[in-house]
Amino acid sequence: MGRFIYDTIGNSVELEDRTLAHLRIVFMNKLRRAEPFMFDVDLNDGTGRRSFWIHPSIPMQIHFNGTRSPRINRYWIDELMKSASGPNGLTIMPEPPEEEPPAEG
């Protein structure tokens, strides 16, 4: 489990490293385009949800617990980007399957 840390007062939430790796790409792309957005996440301890307004003026850190970078599923990135651009903001959805390689023959 890694940690998403937001702002200077230590607001944070624990998330799987694989999920964090995909969120990092979404955050980076949205903020590079100067597109702030809402990020809603369920808290792992069952105490509810937390919403973060993701904006380039607010410090952010992503702390990975593991040392290896996970393989990126571009279909999940696409779905997360659509969510971040939608009216309800970014929510973490289940990872879709990756495209099957073409059959030889």
PDB file of N, CA and C in Angstrom:
ATOM      1  N   MET A   1       0.838  -1.182   0.000  1.00  0.00           N
ATOM      2  CA  MET A   1       0.000   0.000   0.000  1.00  0.00           C
ATOM      3  C   MET A   1       0.880   1.242   0.000  1.00  0.00           C
ATOM      4  N   GLY A   2       0.584   2.121  -0.921  1.00  0.00           N
ATOM      5  CA  GLY A   2       1.265   3.401  -0.978  1.00  0.00           C
ATOM      6  C   GLY A   2       0.394   4.480  -0.370  1.00  0.00           C
ATOM      7  N   ARG A   3       0.779   5.716  -0.564  1.00  0.00           N
ATOM      8  CA  ARG A   3       0.036   6.820   0.043  1.00  0.00           C
ATOM      9  C   ARG A   3      -0.017   8.009  -0.906  1.00  0.00           C
ATOM     10  N   PHE A   4      -1.222   8.564  -1.055  1.00  0.00           N
ATOM     11  CA  PHE A   4      -1.450   9.824  -1.763  1.00  0.00           C
ATOM     12  C   PHE A   4      -1.501  10.901  -0.693  1.00  0.00           C
ATOM     13  N   ILE A   5      -0.591  11.869  -0.777  1.00  0.00           N
ATOM     14  CA  ILE A   5      -0.487  12.926   0.236  1.00  0.00           C
ATOM     15  C   ILE A   5      -0.793  14.252  -0.451  1.00  0.00           C
ATOM     16  N   TYR A   6      -1.715  15.008   0.127  1.00  0.00           N
ATOM     17  CA  TYR A   6      -2.166  16.243  -0.514  1.00  0.00           C
ATOM     18  C   TYR A   6      -2.104  17.408   0.448  1.00  0.00           C
ATOM     19  N   ASP A   7      -1.578  18.494   0.038  1.00  0.00           N
ATOM     20  CA  ASP A   7      -1.408  19.782   0.717  1.00  0.00           C
ATOM     21  C   ASP A   7      -0.320  19.706   1.770  1.00  0.00           C
ATOM     22  N   THR A   8      -0.125  20.771   2.497  1.00  0.00           N
ATOM     23  CA  THR A   8       0.979  20.847   3.450  1.00  0.00           C
ATOM     24  C   THR A   8       0.599  20.419   4.864  1.00  0.00           C
ATOM     25  N   ILE A   9      -0.660  20.086   5.096  1.00  0.00           N
ATOM     26  CA  ILE A   9      -1.050  19.670   6.451  1.00  0.00           C
ATOM     27  C   ILE A   9      -1.195  18.159   6.565  1.00  0.00           C
ATOM     28  N   GLY A  10      -0.807  17.442   5.516  1.00  0.00           N
ATOM     29  CA  GLY A  10      -0.732  15.991   5.616  1.00  0.00           C
ATOM     30  C   GLY A  10      -2.005  15.231   5.322  1.00  0.00           C
ATOM     31  N   ASN A  11      -2.959  15.820   4.611  1.00  0.00           N
ATOM     32  CA  ASN A  11      -4.119  15.042   4.191  1.00  0.00           C
ATOM     33  C   ASN A  11      -3.635  13.900   3.313  1.00  0.00           C
ATOM     34  N   SER A  12      -4.034  12.682   3.642  1.00  0.00           N
ATOM     35  CA  SER A  12      -3.542  11.555   2.861  1.00  0.00           C
ATOM     36  C   SER A  12      -4.535  10.404   2.896  1.00  0.00           C
ATOM     37  N   VAL A  13      -4.324   9.491   1.962  1.00  0.00           N
ATOM     38  CA  VAL A  13      -5.132   8.284   1.900  1.00  0.00           C
ATOM     39  C   VAL A  13      -4.245   7.159   1.364  1.00  0.00           C
ATOM     40  N   GLU A  14      -4.417   5.960   1.907  1.00  0.00           N
ATOM     41  CA  GLU A  14      -3.652   4.805   1.443  1.00  0.00           C
ATOM     42  C   GLU A  14      -4.337   4.170   0.246  1.00  0.00           C
ATOM     43  N   LEU A  15      -3.522   3.833  -0.767  1.00  0.00           N
ATOM     44  CA  LEU A  15      -4.024   3.177  -1.967  1.00  0.00           C
ATOM     45  C   LEU A  15      -2.985   2.160  -2.436  1.00  0.00           C
ATOM     46  N   GLU A  16      -3.427   1.169  -3.189  1.00  0.00           N
ATOM     47  CA  GLU A  16      -2.518   0.188  -3.766  1.00  0.00           C
ATOM     48  C   GLU A  16      -1.533   0.882  -4.703  1.00  0.00           C
ATOM     49  N   ASP A  17      -0.299   0.415  -4.728  1.00  0.00           N
ATOM     50  CA  ASP A  17       0.718   1.000  -5.610  1.00  0.00           C
ATOM     51  C   ASP A  17       0.272   0.984  -7.072  1.00  0.00           C
ATOM     52  N   ARG A  18      -0.384  -0.092  -7.513  1.00  0.00           N
ATOM     53  CA  ARG A  18      -0.831  -0.180  -8.904  1.00  0.00           C
ATOM     54  C   ARG A  18      -1.833   0.928  -9.217  1.00  0.00           C
ATOM     55  N   THR A  19      -2.764   1.144  -8.320  1.00  0.00           N
ATOM     56  CA  THR A  19      -3.748   2.213  -8.494  1.00  0.00           C
ATOM     57  C   THR A  19      -3.057   3.569  -8.501  1.00  0.00           C
ATOM     58  N   LEU A  20      -2.132   3.780  -7.566  1.00  0.00           N
ATOM     59  CA  LEU A  20      -1.404   5.048  -7.494  1.00  0.00           C
ATOM     60  C   LEU A  20      -0.630   5.339  -8.769  1.00  0.00           C
ATOM     61  N   ALA A  21      -0.034   4.316  -9.366  1.00  0.00           N
ATOM     62  CA  ALA A  21       0.731   4.516 -10.596  1.00  0.00           C
ATOM     63  C   ALA A  21      -0.168   5.032 -11.714  1.00  0.00           C
ATOM     64  N   HIS A  22      -1.381   4.524 -11.780  1.00  0.00           N
ATOM     65  CA  HIS A  22      -2.326   4.974 -12.802  1.00  0.00           C
ATOM     66  C   HIS A  22      -2.864   6.373 -12.477  1.00  0.00           C
ATOM     67  N   LEU A  23      -3.159   6.627 -11.210  1.00  0.00           N
ATOM     68  CA  LEU A  23      -3.630   7.956 -10.814  1.00  0.00           C
ATOM     69  C   LEU A  23      -2.563   9.011 -11.073  1.00  0.00           C
ATOM     70  N   ARG A  24      -1.310   8.671 -10.836  1.00  0.00           N
ATOM     71  CA  ARG A  24      -0.208   9.612 -11.070  1.00  0.00           C
ATOM     72  C   ARG A  24      -0.213  10.099 -12.516  1.00  0.00           C
ATOM     73  N   ILE A  25      -0.444   9.211 -13.445  1.00  0.00           N
ATOM     74  CA  ILE A  25      -0.475   9.580 -14.863  1.00  0.00           C
ATOM     75  C   ILE A  25      -1.657  10.498 -15.145  1.00  0.00           C
ATOM     76  N   VAL A  26      -2.813  10.190 -14.577  1.00  0.00           N
ATOM     77  CA  VAL A  26      -3.993  11.035 -14.768  1.00  0.00           C
ATOM     78  C   VAL A  26      -3.746  12.421 -14.178  1.00  0.00           C
ATOM     79  N   PHE A  27      -3.255  12.485 -12.935  1.00  0.00           N
ATOM     80  CA  PHE A  27      -2.978  13.780 -12.298  1.00  0.00           C
ATOM     81  C   PHE A  27      -2.006  14.593 -13.145  1.00  0.00           C
ATOM     82  N   MET A  28      -0.926  13.948 -13.561  1.00  0.00           N
ATOM     83  CA  MET A  28       0.107  14.629 -14.330  1.00  0.00           C
ATOM     84  C   MET A  28      -0.472  15.209 -15.624  1.00  0.00           C
ATOM     85  N   ASN A  29      -1.265  14.419 -16.336  1.00  0.00           N
ATOM     86  CA  ASN A  29      -1.823  14.887 -17.611  1.00  0.00           C
ATOM     87  C   ASN A  29      -2.852  15.988 -17.426  1.00  0.00           C
ATOM     88  N   LYS A  30      -3.723  15.857 -16.447  1.00  0.00           N
ATOM     89  CA  LYS A  30      -4.736  16.886 -16.212  1.00  0.00           C
ATOM     90  C   LYS A  30      -4.087  18.199 -15.765  1.00  0.00           C
ATOM     91  N   LEU A  31      -3.129  18.125 -14.855  1.00  0.00           N
ATOM     92  CA  LEU A  31      -2.508  19.346 -14.352  1.00  0.00           C
ATOM     93  C   LEU A  31      -1.591  19.985 -15.391  1.00  0.00           C
ATOM     94  N   ARG A  32      -0.968  19.181 -16.224  1.00  0.00           N
ATOM     95  CA  ARG A  32      -0.143  19.724 -17.312  1.00  0.00           C
ATOM     96  C   ARG A  32      -1.000  20.573 -18.250  1.00  0.00           C
ATOM     97  N   ARG A  33      -2.254  20.197 -18.407  1.00  0.00           N
ATOM     98  CA  ARG A  33      -3.186  20.936 -19.271  1.00  0.00           C
ATOM     99  C   ARG A  33      -3.901  22.064 -18.517  1.00  0.00           C
ATOM    100  N   ALA A  34      -3.522  22.278 -17.264  1.00  0.00           N
ATOM    101  CA  ALA A  34      -4.160  23.292 -16.410  1.00  0.00           C
ATOM    102  C   ALA A  34      -5.657  23.013 -16.263  1.00  0.00           C
ATOM    103  N   GLU A  35      -5.993  21.741 -16.003  1.00  0.00           N
ATOM    104  CA  GLU A  35      -7.383  21.313 -15.817  1.00  0.00           C
ATOM    105  C   GLU A  35      -7.569  20.774 -14.404  1.00  0.00           C
ATOM    106  N   PRO A  36      -7.859  21.649 -13.428  1.00  0.00           N
ATOM    107  CA  PRO A  36      -8.124  21.149 -12.080  1.00  0.00           C
ATOM    108  C   PRO A  36      -9.396  20.299 -12.074  1.00  0.00           C
ATOM    109  N   PHE A  37      -9.515  19.414 -11.093  1.00  0.00           N
ATOM    110  CA  PHE A  37     -10.665  18.514 -11.039  1.00  0.00           C
ATOM    111  C   PHE A  37     -10.847  17.991  -9.617  1.00  0.00           C
ATOM    112  N   MET A  38     -12.021  17.409  -9.360  1.00  0.00           N
ATOM    113  CA  MET A  38     -12.332  16.804  -8.074  1.00  0.00           C
ATOM    114  C   MET A  38     -11.917  15.336  -8.111  1.00  0.00           C
ATOM    115  N   PHE A  39     -11.329  14.868  -7.027  1.00  0.00           N
ATOM    116  CA  PHE A  39     -10.944  13.465  -6.879  1.00  0.00           C
ATOM    117  C   PHE A  39     -11.622  12.928  -5.631  1.00  0.00           C
ATOM    118  N   ASP A  40     -12.518  11.967  -5.800  1.00  0.00           N
ATOM    119  CA  ASP A  40     -13.221  11.328  -4.685  1.00  0.00           C
ATOM    120  C   ASP A  40     -12.662   9.934  -4.481  1.00  0.00           C
ATOM    121  N   VAL A  41     -12.387   9.594  -3.237  1.00  0.00           N
ATOM    122  CA  VAL A  41     -11.817   8.277  -2.939  1.00  0.00           C
ATOM    123  C   VAL A  41     -12.456   7.711  -1.677  1.00  0.00           C
ATOM    124  N   ASP A  42     -12.756   6.402  -1.722  1.00  0.00           N
ATOM    125  CA  ASP A  42     -13.237   5.706  -0.525  1.00  0.00           C
ATOM    126  C   ASP A  42     -12.063   5.500   0.412  1.00  0.00           C
ATOM    127  N   LEU A  43     -12.271   5.732   1.688  1.00  0.00           N
ATOM    128  CA  LEU A  43     -11.224   5.510   2.677  1.00  0.00           C
ATOM    129  C   LEU A  43     -11.156   4.017   2.987  1.00  0.00           C
ATOM    130  N   ASN A  44      -9.958   3.470   3.054  1.00  0.00           N
ATOM    131  CA  ASN A  44      -9.788   2.031   3.243  1.00  0.00           C
ATOM    132  C   ASN A  44     -10.227   1.539   4.612  1.00  0.00           C
ATOM    133  N   ASP A  45     -10.391   2.440   5.558  1.00  0.00           N
ATOM    134  CA  ASP A  45     -10.769   2.010   6.899  1.00  0.00           C
ATOM    135  C   ASP A  45     -12.284   1.941   7.094  1.00  0.00           C
ATOM    136  N   GLY A  46     -13.045   2.157   6.014  1.00  0.00           N
ATOM    137  CA  GLY A  46     -14.501   2.051   6.091  1.00  0.00           C
ATOM    138  C   GLY A  46     -15.180   3.245   6.719  1.00  0.00           C
ATOM    139  N   THR A  47     -14.476   4.359   6.887  1.00  0.00           N
ATOM    140  CA  THR A  47     -15.065   5.525   7.543  1.00  0.00           C
ATOM    141  C   THR A  47     -15.709   6.504   6.570  1.00  0.00           C
ATOM    142  N   GLY A  48     -15.741   6.164   5.291  1.00  0.00           N
ATOM    143  CA  GLY A  48     -16.422   7.049   4.341  1.00  0.00           C
ATOM    144  C   GLY A  48     -15.587   7.373   3.129  1.00  0.00           C
ATOM    145  N   ARG A  49     -15.830   8.558   2.600  1.00  0.00           N
ATOM    146  CA  ARG A  49     -15.154   9.031   1.396  1.00  0.00           C
ATOM    147  C   ARG A  49     -14.477  10.361   1.685  1.00  0.00           C
ATOM    148  N   ARG A  50     -13.483  10.662   0.880  1.00  0.00           N
ATOM    149  CA  ARG A  50     -12.818  11.953   0.983  1.00  0.00           C
ATOM    150  C   ARG A  50     -12.740  12.541  -0.418  1.00  0.00           C
ATOM    151  N   SER A  51     -12.959  13.837  -0.515  1.00  0.00           N
ATOM    152  CA  SER A  51     -12.854  14.545  -1.789  1.00  0.00           C
ATOM    153  C   SER A  51     -11.679  15.512  -1.731  1.00  0.00           C
ATOM    154  N   PHE A  52     -10.900  15.521  -2.811  1.00  0.00           N
ATOM    155  CA  PHE A  52      -9.762  16.421  -2.939  1.00  0.00           C
ATOM    156  C   PHE A  52      -9.953  17.258  -4.193  1.00  0.00           C
ATOM    157  N   TRP A  53      -9.770  18.568  -4.092  1.00  0.00           N
ATOM    158  CA  TRP A  53      -9.773  19.426  -5.265  1.00  0.00           C
ATOM    159  C   TRP A  53      -8.333  19.445  -5.775  1.00  0.00           C
ATOM    160  N   ILE A  54      -8.109  18.803  -6.908  1.00  0.00           N
ATOM    161  CA  ILE A  54      -6.764  18.675  -7.462  1.00  0.00           C
ATOM    162  C   ILE A  54      -6.470  19.905  -8.305  1.00  0.00           C
ATOM    163  N   HIS A  55      -5.488  20.669  -7.858  1.00  0.00           N
ATOM    164  CA  HIS A  55      -5.137  21.946  -8.491  1.00  0.00           C
ATOM    165  C   HIS A  55      -3.618  22.097  -8.460  1.00  0.00           C
ATOM    166  N   PRO A  56      -3.014  22.676  -9.508  1.00  0.00           N
ATOM    167  CA  PRO A  56      -1.551  22.770  -9.541  1.00  0.00           C
ATOM    168  C   PRO A  56      -0.940  23.629  -8.429  1.00  0.00           C
ATOM    169  N   SER A  57      -1.712  24.453  -7.777  1.00  0.00           N
ATOM    170  CA  SER A  57      -1.157  25.300  -6.717  1.00  0.00           C
ATOM    171  C   SER A  57      -1.072  24.580  -5.372  1.00  0.00           C
ATOM    172  N   ILE A  58      -1.596  23.366  -5.289  1.00  0.00           N
ATOM    173  CA  ILE A  58      -1.606  22.630  -4.025  1.00  0.00           C
ATOM    174  C   ILE A  58      -0.563  21.508  -4.096  1.00  0.00           C
ATOM    175  N   PRO A  59       0.365  21.465  -3.128  1.00  0.00           N
ATOM    176  CA  PRO A  59       1.400  20.429  -3.148  1.00  0.00           C
ATOM    177  C   PRO A  59       0.804  19.020  -3.068  1.00  0.00           C
ATOM    178  N   MET A  60       1.421  18.092  -3.798  1.00  0.00           N
ATOM    179  CA  MET A  60       0.953  16.715  -3.837  1.00  0.00           C
ATOM    180  C   MET A  60       2.160  15.789  -3.854  1.00  0.00           C
ATOM    181  N   GLN A  61       2.025  14.653  -3.150  1.00  0.00           N
ATOM    182  CA  GLN A  61       3.051  13.621  -3.187  1.00  0.00           C
ATOM    183  C   GLN A  61       2.381  12.275  -3.385  1.00  0.00           C
ATOM    184  N   ILE A  62       3.067  11.401  -4.072  1.00  0.00           N
ATOM    185  CA  ILE A  62       2.609  10.020  -4.202  1.00  0.00           C
ATOM    186  C   ILE A  62       3.758   9.151  -3.719  1.00  0.00           C
ATOM    187  N   HIS A  63       3.496   8.419  -2.655  1.00  0.00           N
ATOM    188  CA  HIS A  63       4.524   7.582  -2.046  1.00  0.00           C
ATOM    189  C   HIS A  63       4.213   6.124  -2.364  1.00  0.00           C
ATOM    190  N   PHE A  64       5.085   5.492  -3.130  1.00  0.00           N
ATOM    191  CA  PHE A  64       4.921   4.083  -3.463  1.00  0.00           C
ATOM    192  C   PHE A  64       5.646   3.243  -2.423  1.00  0.00           C
ATOM    193  N   ASN A  65       5.004   2.187  -1.973  1.00  0.00           N
ATOM    194  CA  ASN A  65       5.622   1.307  -0.993  1.00  0.00           C
ATOM    195  C   ASN A  65       6.590   0.335  -1.662  1.00  0.00           C
ATOM    196  N   GLY A  66       6.242  -0.135  -2.853  1.00  0.00           N
ATOM    197  CA  GLY A  66       7.094  -1.081  -3.570  1.00  0.00           C
ATOM    198  C   GLY A  66       8.175  -0.373  -4.358  1.00  0.00           C
ATOM    199  N   THR A  67       9.139  -1.155  -4.838  1.00  0.00           N
ATOM    200  CA  THR A  67      10.248  -0.584  -5.585  1.00  0.00           C
ATOM    201  C   THR A  67      10.092  -0.744  -7.098  1.00  0.00           C
ATOM    202  N   ARG A  68       9.217  -1.634  -7.538  1.00  0.00           N
ATOM    203  CA  ARG A  68       9.026  -1.862  -8.970  1.00  0.00           C
ATOM    204  C   ARG A  68       7.842  -1.067  -9.488  1.00  0.00           C
ATOM    205  N   SER A  69       8.009  -0.495 -10.677  1.00  0.00           N
ATOM    206  CA  SER A  69       6.902   0.212 -11.318  1.00  0.00           C
ATOM    207  C   SER A  69       5.964  -0.806 -11.952  1.00  0.00           C
ATOM    208  N   PRO A  70       4.669  -0.705 -11.663  1.00  0.00           N
ATOM    209  CA  PRO A  70       3.738  -1.667 -12.260  1.00  0.00           C
ATOM    210  C   PRO A  70       3.545  -1.404 -13.755  1.00  0.00           C
ATOM    211  N   ARG A  71       3.149  -2.431 -14.460  1.00  0.00           N
ATOM    212  CA  ARG A  71       2.810  -2.291 -15.874  1.00  0.00           C
ATOM    213  C   ARG A  71       1.547  -1.438 -15.966  1.00  0.00           C
ATOM    214  N   ILE A  72       1.543  -0.502 -16.904  1.00  0.00           N
ATOM    215  CA  ILE A  72       0.421   0.430 -17.035  1.00  0.00           C
ATOM    216  C   ILE A  72      -0.603  -0.120 -18.026  1.00  0.00           C
ATOM    217  N   ASN A  73      -1.855  -0.081 -17.619  1.00  0.00           N
ATOM    218  CA  ASN A  73      -2.980  -0.499 -18.452  1.00  0.00           C
ATOM    219  C   ASN A  73      -3.556   0.767 -19.087  1.00  0.00           C
ATOM    220  N   ARG A  74      -3.304   0.961 -20.371  1.00  0.00           N
ATOM    221  CA  ARG A  74      -3.739   2.206 -21.031  1.00  0.00           C
ATOM    222  C   ARG A  74      -5.256   2.325 -21.077  1.00  0.00           C
ATOM    223  N   TYR A  75      -5.987   1.206 -21.039  1.00  0.00           N
ATOM    224  CA  TYR A  75      -7.451   1.266 -21.026  1.00  0.00           C
ATOM    225  C   TYR A  75      -7.958   1.821 -19.696  1.00  0.00           C
ATOM    226  N   TRP A  76      -7.270   1.474 -18.622  1.00  0.00           N
ATOM    227  CA  TRP A  76      -7.647   2.019 -17.312  1.00  0.00           C
ATOM    228  C   TRP A  76      -7.337   3.509 -17.269  1.00  0.00           C
ATOM    229  N   ILE A  77      -6.197   3.914 -17.827  1.00  0.00           N
ATOM    230  CA  ILE A  77      -5.853   5.341 -17.900  1.00  0.00           C
ATOM    231  C   ILE A  77      -6.959   6.084 -18.652  1.00  0.00           C
ATOM    232  N   ASP A  78      -7.387   5.547 -19.788  1.00  0.00           N
ATOM    233  CA  ASP A  78      -8.447   6.192 -20.572  1.00  0.00           C
ATOM    234  C   ASP A  78      -9.724   6.353 -19.756  1.00  0.00           C
ATOM    235  N   GLU A  79     -10.110   5.303 -19.028  1.00  0.00           N
ATOM    236  CA  GLU A  79     -11.335   5.369 -18.219  1.00  0.00           C
ATOM    237  C   GLU A  79     -11.191   6.368 -17.073  1.00  0.00           C
ATOM    238  N   LEU A  80     -10.035   6.381 -16.436  1.00  0.00           N
ATOM    239  CA  LEU A  80      -9.807   7.333 -15.349  1.00  0.00           C
ATOM    240  C   LEU A  80      -9.787   8.771 -15.866  1.00  0.00           C
ATOM    241  N   MET A  81      -9.193   8.995 -17.030  1.00  0.00           N
ATOM    242  CA  MET A  81      -9.177  10.338 -17.627  1.00  0.00           C
ATOM    243  C   MET A  81     -10.598  10.806 -17.952  1.00  0.00           C
ATOM    244  N   LYS A  82     -11.432   9.922 -18.489  1.00  0.00           N
ATOM    245  CA  LYS A  82     -12.828  10.273 -18.778  1.00  0.00           C
ATOM    246  C   LYS A  82     -13.552  10.648 -17.489  1.00  0.00           C
ATOM    247  N   SER A  83     -13.311   9.876 -16.445  1.00  0.00           N
ATOM    248  CA  SER A  83     -13.937  10.156 -15.154  1.00  0.00           C
ATOM    249  C   SER A  83     -13.499  11.523 -14.626  1.00  0.00           C
ATOM    250  N   ALA A  84     -12.198  11.804 -14.675  1.00  0.00           N
ATOM    251  CA  ALA A  84     -11.666  13.074 -14.172  1.00  0.00           C
ATOM    252  C   ALA A  84     -12.237  14.263 -14.938  1.00  0.00           C
ATOM    253  N   SER A  85     -12.561  14.064 -16.204  1.00  0.00           N
ATOM    254  CA  SER A  85     -13.106  15.143 -17.034  1.00  0.00           C
ATOM    255  C   SER A  85     -14.623  15.245 -16.947  1.00  0.00           C
ATOM    256  N   GLY A  86     -15.250  14.307 -16.276  1.00  0.00           N
ATOM    257  CA  GLY A  86     -16.711  14.292 -16.178  1.00  0.00           C
ATOM    258  C   GLY A  86     -17.239  15.206 -15.087  1.00  0.00           C
ATOM    259  N   PRO A  87     -18.552  15.344 -15.013  1.00  0.00           N
ATOM    260  CA  PRO A  87     -19.170  16.273 -14.064  1.00  0.00           C
ATOM    261  C   PRO A  87     -18.997  15.898 -12.598  1.00  0.00           C
ATOM    262  N   ASN A  88     -18.740  14.619 -12.303  1.00  0.00           N
ATOM    263  CA  ASN A  88     -18.577  14.191 -10.914  1.00  0.00           C
ATOM    264  C   ASN A  88     -17.124  14.059 -10.494  1.00  0.00           C
ATOM    265  N   GLY A  89     -16.199  14.290 -11.418  1.00  0.00           N
ATOM    266  CA  GLY A  89     -14.786  14.194 -11.092  1.00  0.00           C
ATOM    267  C   GLY A  89     -14.281  12.767 -11.098  1.00  0.00           C
ATOM    268  N   LEU A  90     -13.027  12.617 -10.714  1.00  0.00           N
ATOM    269  CA  LEU A  90     -12.332  11.335 -10.754  1.00  0.00           C
ATOM    270  C   LEU A  90     -12.733  10.455  -9.579  1.00  0.00           C
ATOM    271  N   THR A  91     -13.143   9.255  -9.899  1.00  0.00           N
ATOM    272  CA  THR A  91     -13.331   8.208  -8.896  1.00  0.00           C
ATOM    273  C   THR A  91     -12.571   6.977  -9.387  1.00  0.00           C
ATOM    274  N   ILE A  92     -12.112   6.181  -8.465  1.00  0.00           N
ATOM    275  CA  ILE A  92     -11.371   4.979  -8.824  1.00  0.00           C
ATOM    276  C   ILE A  92     -12.370   3.895  -9.191  1.00  0.00           C
ATOM    277  N   MET A  93     -12.223   3.380 -10.388  1.00  0.00           N
ATOM    278  CA  MET A  93     -13.098   2.314 -10.862  1.00  0.00           C
ATOM    279  C   MET A  93     -12.274   1.050 -11.029  1.00  0.00           C
ATOM    280  N   PRO A  94     -12.942  -0.097 -11.131  1.00  0.00           N
ATOM    281  CA  PRO A  94     -12.180  -1.335 -11.328  1.00  0.00           C
ATOM    282  C   PRO A  94     -11.370  -1.288 -12.616  1.00  0.00           C
ATOM    283  N   GLU A  95     -10.223  -1.924 -12.586  1.00  0.00           N
ATOM    284  CA  GLU A  95      -9.349  -1.958 -13.759  1.00  0.00           C
ATOM    285  C   GLU A  95      -9.959  -2.826 -14.849  1.00  0.00           C
ATOM    286  N   PRO A  96     -10.109  -2.288 -16.073  1.00  0.00           N
ATOM    287  CA  PRO A  96     -10.627  -3.101 -17.169  1.00  0.00           C
ATOM    288  C   PRO A  96      -9.541  -4.043 -17.687  1.00  0.00           C
ATOM    289  N   PRO A  97      -9.943  -5.109 -18.364  1.00  0.00           N
ATOM    290  CA  PRO A  97      -8.924  -5.997 -18.936  1.00  0.00           C
ATOM    291  C   PRO A  97      -8.150  -5.287 -20.032  1.00  0.00           C
ATOM    292  N   GLU A  98      -6.886  -5.677 -20.180  1.00  0.00           N
ATOM    293  CA  GLU A  98      -6.070  -5.125 -21.258  1.00  0.00           C
ATOM    294  C   GLU A  98      -6.449  -5.825 -22.554  1.00  0.00           C
ATOM    295  N   GLU A  99      -6.217  -5.155 -23.653  1.00  0.00           N
ATOM    296  CA  GLU A  99      -6.548  -5.716 -24.961  1.00  0.00           C
ATOM    297  C   GLU A  99      -5.764  -6.997 -25.201  1.00  0.00           C
ATOM    298  N   GLU A 100      -6.443  -7.988 -25.753  1.00  0.00           N
ATOM    299  CA  GLU A 100      -5.784  -9.239 -26.089  1.00  0.00           C
ATOM    300  C   GLU A 100      -4.846  -9.029 -27.267  1.00  0.00           C
ATOM    301  N   PRO A 101      -3.681  -9.656 -27.249  1.00  0.00           N
ATOM    302  CA  PRO A 101      -2.791  -9.529 -28.413  1.00  0.00           C
ATOM    303  C   PRO A 101      -3.426 -10.200 -29.627  1.00  0.00           C
ATOM    304  N   PRO A 102      -3.141  -9.715 -30.839  1.00  0.00           N
ATOM    305  CA  PRO A 102      -3.735 -10.313 -32.029  1.00  0.00           C
ATOM    306  C   PRO A 102      -3.291 -11.767 -32.185  1.00  0.00           C
ATOM    307  N   ALA A 103      -4.206 -12.588 -32.654  1.00  0.00           N
ATOM    308  CA  ALA A 103      -3.905 -14.002 -32.858  1.00  0.00           C
ATOM    309  C   ALA A 103      -2.971 -14.162 -34.051  1.00  0.00           C
ATOM    310  N   GLU A 104      -2.027 -15.065 -33.910  1.00  0.00           N
ATOM    311  CA  GLU A 104      -1.103 -15.331 -35.023  1.00  0.00           C
ATOM    312  C   GLU A 104      -1.778 -16.284 -36.003  1.00  0.00           C
ATOM    313  N   GLY A 105      -1.443 -16.112 -37.268  1.00  0.00           N
ATOM    314  CA  GLY A 105      -1.972 -17.086 -38.203  1.00  0.00           C
ATOM    315  C   GLY A 105      -2.355 -16.512 -39.443  1.00  0.00           C
TER     316      GLY A 105
END
